[in-house]
Amino acid sequence: MLENPVAALTILVLAIFVGFEVIAKVPPLLHTPLMSGSNAISGIAIVGAILSAGGEDQSLSTLLGFVAIVLAMINVVGGFLVTNRMLRMFKKRPERQ
């Protein structure tokens, strides 16, 4: 972990800014197809959050790790629901007589 809290805060702020700029530049038509890639990245974040939550006995790292796990899981489940809904739109419906 970084020993300098100012450096850690700087990295966090830069990561938030870059993430926002990257997501804001994606056209709305591409949001759903990119959901599977987002789910893969969130899966990696879940693994890192689990390691952070259970790695040490510090209450702050455990709390932040737990919050990261919850938020990443919400992202993954939401991504799968949106992808499932999109795929149902492309299925052929049986013809009514």
C-alpha atoms as a PDB file:
ATOM      1  CA  MET A   1       0.000   0.000   0.000  1.00  0.00           C
ATOM      2  CA  LEU A   2       1.124   3.554  -0.551  1.00  0.00           C
ATOM      3  CA  GLU A   3       2.752   5.096   2.488  1.00  0.00           C
ATOM      4  CA  ASN A   4       1.931   8.658   1.481  1.00  0.00           C
ATOM      5  CA  PRO A   5      -1.794   9.442   1.928  1.00  0.00           C
ATOM      6  CA  VAL A   6      -1.552  12.477  -0.367  1.00  0.00           C
ATOM      7  CA  ALA A   7      -0.250  10.270  -3.183  1.00  0.00           C
ATOM      8  CA  ALA A   8      -3.036   7.742  -2.580  1.00  0.00           C
ATOM      9  CA  LEU A   9      -5.668  10.494  -2.647  1.00  0.00           C
ATOM     10  CA  THR A  10      -4.158  11.933  -5.842  1.00  0.00           C
ATOM     11  CA  ILE A  11      -4.321   8.528  -7.539  1.00  0.00           C
ATOM     12  CA  LEU A  12      -7.943   8.083  -6.424  1.00  0.00           C
ATOM     13  CA  VAL A  13      -8.991  11.497  -7.758  1.00  0.00           C
ATOM     14  CA  LEU A  14      -7.200  10.922 -11.067  1.00  0.00           C
ATOM     15  CA  ALA A  15      -8.780   7.472 -11.433  1.00  0.00           C
ATOM     16  CA  ILE A  16     -12.251   8.923 -10.823  1.00  0.00           C
ATOM     17  CA  PHE A  17     -11.645  11.699 -13.367  1.00  0.00           C
ATOM     18  CA  VAL A  18     -10.277   9.353 -16.048  1.00  0.00           C
ATOM     19  CA  GLY A  19     -13.081   6.834 -15.482  1.00  0.00           C
ATOM     20  CA  PHE A  20     -15.736   9.520 -15.795  1.00  0.00           C
ATOM     21  CA  GLU A  21     -14.190  10.920 -18.976  1.00  0.00           C
ATOM     22  CA  VAL A  22     -13.916   7.469 -20.579  1.00  0.00           C
ATOM     23  CA  ILE A  23     -17.531   6.559 -19.796  1.00  0.00           C
ATOM     24  CA  ALA A  24     -18.869   9.967 -20.844  1.00  0.00           C
ATOM     25  CA  LYS A  25     -17.310   9.611 -24.319  1.00  0.00           C
ATOM     26  CA  VAL A  26     -19.093   6.306 -25.108  1.00  0.00           C
ATOM     27  CA  PRO A  27     -22.152   6.781 -27.364  1.00  0.00           C
ATOM     28  CA  PRO A  28     -25.447   5.475 -25.906  1.00  0.00           C
ATOM     29  CA  LEU A  29     -25.763   2.845 -28.649  1.00  0.00           C
ATOM     30  CA  LEU A  30     -22.604   1.137 -27.405  1.00  0.00           C
ATOM     31  CA  HIS A  31     -23.491   0.996 -23.703  1.00  0.00           C
ATOM     32  CA  THR A  32     -25.218  -2.403 -23.809  1.00  0.00           C
ATOM     33  CA  PRO A  33     -22.620  -4.222 -25.967  1.00  0.00           C
ATOM     34  CA  LEU A  34     -19.868  -2.951 -23.675  1.00  0.00           C
ATOM     35  CA  MET A  35     -21.682  -4.289 -20.604  1.00  0.00           C
ATOM     36  CA  SER A  36     -19.961  -7.687 -20.830  1.00  0.00           C
ATOM     37  CA  GLY A  37     -16.560  -6.015 -20.765  1.00  0.00           C
ATOM     38  CA  SER A  38     -17.679  -3.953 -17.809  1.00  0.00           C
ATOM     39  CA  ASN A  39     -18.769  -7.127 -16.026  1.00  0.00           C
ATOM     40  CA  ALA A  40     -15.327  -8.665 -16.549  1.00  0.00           C
ATOM     41  CA  ILE A  41     -13.629  -5.592 -15.110  1.00  0.00           C
ATOM     42  CA  SER A  42     -16.045  -5.591 -12.164  1.00  0.00           C
ATOM     43  CA  GLY A  43     -15.228  -9.245 -11.572  1.00  0.00           C
ATOM     44  CA  ILE A  44     -11.565  -8.317 -11.240  1.00  0.00           C
ATOM     45  CA  ALA A  45     -12.560  -5.496  -8.882  1.00  0.00           C
ATOM     46  CA  ILE A  46     -14.511  -7.994  -6.763  1.00  0.00           C
ATOM     47  CA  VAL A  47     -11.452 -10.211  -6.385  1.00  0.00           C
ATOM     48  CA  GLY A  48      -9.332  -7.209  -5.370  1.00  0.00           C
ATOM     49  CA  ALA A  49     -11.998  -6.029  -2.930  1.00  0.00           C
ATOM     50  CA  ILE A  50     -12.190  -9.469  -1.324  1.00  0.00           C
ATOM     51  CA  LEU A  51      -8.423  -9.423  -0.862  1.00  0.00           C
ATOM     52  CA  SER A  52      -8.638  -5.920   0.588  1.00  0.00           C
ATOM     53  CA  ALA A  53     -11.496  -6.759   2.935  1.00  0.00           C
ATOM     54  CA  GLY A  54      -9.890  -9.881   4.343  1.00  0.00           C
ATOM     55  CA  GLY A  55      -6.198  -9.086   4.094  1.00  0.00           C
ATOM     56  CA  GLU A  56      -5.513  -7.238   7.306  1.00  0.00           C
ATOM     57  CA  ASP A  57      -7.262  -6.584  10.597  1.00  0.00           C
ATOM     58  CA  GLN A  58      -7.601  -2.864   9.950  1.00  0.00           C
ATOM     59  CA  SER A  59     -11.198  -1.755  10.211  1.00  0.00           C
ATOM     60  CA  LEU A  60     -10.932   0.936   7.502  1.00  0.00           C
ATOM     61  CA  SER A  61      -9.573  -1.430   4.845  1.00  0.00           C
ATOM     62  CA  THR A  62     -12.192  -4.020   5.786  1.00  0.00           C
ATOM     63  CA  LEU A  63     -14.985  -1.444   5.529  1.00  0.00           C
ATOM     64  CA  LEU A  64     -13.767  -0.056   2.195  1.00  0.00           C
ATOM     65  CA  GLY A  65     -13.278  -3.577   0.853  1.00  0.00           C
ATOM     66  CA  PHE A  66     -16.839  -4.493   1.844  1.00  0.00           C
ATOM     67  CA  VAL A  67     -18.246  -1.356   0.193  1.00  0.00           C
ATOM     68  CA  ALA A  68     -16.248  -2.156  -2.960  1.00  0.00           C
ATOM     69  CA  ILE A  69     -17.614  -5.719  -2.987  1.00  0.00           C
ATOM     70  CA  VAL A  70     -21.206  -4.495  -2.667  1.00  0.00           C
ATOM     71  CA  LEU A  71     -20.875  -1.853  -5.394  1.00  0.00           C
ATOM     72  CA  ALA A  72     -19.081  -4.187  -7.814  1.00  0.00           C
ATOM     73  CA  MET A  73     -21.692  -6.907  -7.263  1.00  0.00           C
ATOM     74  CA  ILE A  74     -24.489  -4.420  -7.975  1.00  0.00           C
ATOM     75  CA  ASN A  75     -22.682  -3.510 -11.198  1.00  0.00           C
ATOM     76  CA  VAL A  76     -22.242  -7.158 -12.247  1.00  0.00           C
ATOM     77  CA  VAL A  77     -25.833  -8.178 -11.490  1.00  0.00           C
ATOM     78  CA  GLY A  78     -27.201  -5.071 -13.224  1.00  0.00           C
ATOM     79  CA  GLY A  79     -25.006  -5.752 -16.239  1.00  0.00           C
ATOM     80  CA  PHE A  80     -26.270  -9.299 -16.535  1.00  0.00           C
ATOM     81  CA  LEU A  81     -29.888  -8.153 -16.228  1.00  0.00           C
ATOM     82  CA  VAL A  82     -29.447  -5.528 -18.945  1.00  0.00           C
ATOM     83  CA  THR A  83     -27.643  -8.004 -21.219  1.00  0.00           C
ATOM     84  CA  ASN A  84     -30.358 -10.622 -20.675  1.00  0.00           C
ATOM     85  CA  ARG A  85     -33.050  -8.079 -21.499  1.00  0.00           C
ATOM     86  CA  MET A  86     -31.202  -7.051 -24.658  1.00  0.00           C
ATOM     87  CA  LEU A  87     -30.829 -10.671 -25.792  1.00  0.00           C
ATOM     88  CA  ARG A  88     -34.549 -11.334 -25.234  1.00  0.00           C
ATOM     89  CA  MET A  89     -35.319  -8.475 -27.621  1.00  0.00           C
ATOM     90  CA  PHE A  90     -33.603 -10.370 -30.453  1.00  0.00           C
ATOM     91  CA  LYS A  91     -35.376 -13.717 -29.945  1.00  0.00           C
ATOM     92  CA  LYS A  92     -38.057 -14.631 -32.436  1.00  0.00           C
ATOM     93  CA  ARG A  93     -41.530 -14.556 -31.013  1.00  0.00           C
ATOM     94  CA  PRO A  94     -43.898 -17.384 -31.882  1.00  0.00           C
ATOM     95  CA  GLU A  95     -46.514 -16.329 -34.407  1.00  0.00           C
ATOM     96  CA  ARG A  96     -50.062 -16.030 -33.123  1.00  0.00           C
ATOM     97  CA  GLN A  97     -52.881 -17.548 -35.109  1.00  0.00           C
END
